[in-house]
Amino acid sequence: MSDEPIVLLFVKAPVKGQVKSRLARDLDEDLVQRLYESMALDTVDMLKAGGFSFRICFSPPDAFESVRDWLGQDHSYMPQIGDDLG
């Protein structure tokens, strides 16, 4: 195991109606989904530009291919398991 710090980026697969639900109460669901997708991509770009080591933790656990297609092939991915972040 390495002692090098690593950033864990937690994301949900960008499924309309299942991301940013509080925003979706006041905004169009399509807009909210696109906003969520863009914020996650911006975060990945920021981590890469800053030279940070990071791993993308995604939910649901069976969304690996769709999340990898969305955020890029050249990252480290790990499914989130359990009912919450704890």
Protein backbone atom coordinates (compact mmCIF):
# COMPACT_ATOMS: atom_id res chain seq x y z
CA MET A 1 0.00 0.00 0.00
CA SER A 2 1.26 3.47 -0.90
CA ASP A 3 1.53 6.37 1.53
CA GLU A 4 0.79 8.84 -1.28
CA PRO A 5 -2.43 10.81 -0.71
CA ILE A 6 -5.30 10.11 -3.09
CA VAL A 7 -8.55 11.97 -3.73
CA LEU A 8 -11.74 9.91 -3.82
CA LEU A 9 -14.33 11.39 -6.16
CA PHE A 10 -17.82 10.04 -5.45
CA VAL A 11 -20.28 10.10 -8.35
CA LYS A 12 -23.63 8.64 -9.28
CA ALA A 13 -24.33 7.40 -12.77
CA PRO A 14 -26.02 10.39 -14.45
CA VAL A 15 -29.54 8.99 -14.71
CA LYS A 16 -32.25 11.57 -15.25
CA GLY A 17 -34.34 11.99 -12.12
CA GLN A 18 -31.74 10.32 -9.88
CA VAL A 19 -29.12 13.08 -9.57
CA LYS A 20 -29.37 16.49 -7.92
CA SER A 21 -32.97 15.85 -6.90
CA ARG A 22 -33.24 19.06 -4.88
CA LEU A 23 -32.32 21.11 -7.94
CA ALA A 24 -34.77 19.11 -10.02
CA ARG A 25 -37.63 20.34 -7.84
CA ASP A 26 -37.20 23.80 -9.39
CA LEU A 27 -35.49 23.07 -12.72
CA ASP A 28 -36.05 20.85 -15.73
CA GLU A 29 -34.73 17.29 -15.16
CA ASP A 30 -32.82 17.30 -18.46
CA LEU A 31 -31.07 20.54 -17.49
CA VAL A 32 -30.25 19.16 -14.04
CA GLN A 33 -28.78 15.99 -15.52
CA ARG A 34 -26.60 17.97 -17.97
CA LEU A 35 -25.49 20.26 -15.14
CA TYR A 36 -24.51 17.27 -12.99
CA GLU A 37 -22.60 15.66 -15.87
CA SER A 38 -20.74 18.92 -16.53
CA MET A 39 -19.85 19.48 -12.86
CA ALA A 40 -18.38 15.99 -12.58
CA LEU A 41 -16.38 16.40 -15.80
CA ASP A 42 -15.09 19.78 -14.57
CA THR A 43 -14.01 18.16 -11.30
CA VAL A 44 -12.14 15.39 -13.12
CA ASP A 45 -10.43 18.00 -15.33
CA MET A 46 -9.46 20.04 -12.25
CA LEU A 47 -7.96 16.99 -10.52
CA LYS A 48 -5.99 16.07 -13.63
CA ALA A 49 -4.75 19.64 -14.16
CA GLY A 50 -3.67 19.84 -10.51
CA GLY A 51 -1.68 16.63 -10.80
CA PHE A 52 -3.71 14.91 -8.09
CA SER A 53 -3.94 11.14 -7.83
CA PHE A 54 -7.60 10.23 -7.71
CA ARG A 55 -10.01 7.33 -7.86
CA ILE A 56 -13.61 7.59 -9.00
CA CYS A 57 -16.04 5.80 -6.67
CA PHE A 58 -19.31 5.25 -8.50
CA SER A 59 -22.84 4.24 -7.72
CA PRO A 60 -24.69 2.03 -8.47
CA PRO A 61 -22.06 -0.73 -8.49
CA ASP A 62 -23.25 -2.10 -11.85
CA ALA A 63 -22.74 1.23 -13.66
CA PHE A 64 -19.02 0.80 -14.36
CA GLU A 65 -19.23 0.87 -18.17
CA SER A 66 -21.56 3.86 -18.36
CA VAL A 67 -19.54 5.86 -15.81
CA ARG A 68 -16.26 5.00 -17.56
CA ASP A 69 -17.74 5.98 -20.94
CA TRP A 70 -18.88 9.30 -19.41
CA LEU A 71 -15.77 10.26 -17.41
CA GLY A 72 -13.04 8.60 -19.46
CA GLN A 73 -11.20 5.34 -19.92
CA ASP A 74 -7.91 6.32 -18.29
CA HIS A 75 -8.98 6.65 -14.66
CA SER A 76 -9.09 4.31 -11.70
CA TYR A 77 -12.64 3.26 -10.77
CA MET A 78 -14.14 1.55 -7.75
CA PRO A 79 -17.82 0.72 -7.15
CA GLN A 80 -19.49 2.04 -4.02
CA ILE A 81 -20.93 -0.78 -1.98
CA GLY A 82 -23.41 -0.41 0.88
CA ASP A 83 -26.33 1.82 1.67
CA ASP A 84 -24.39 5.03 2.39
CA LEU A 85 -20.90 6.55 2.37
CA GLY A 86 -20.23 5.17 5.88
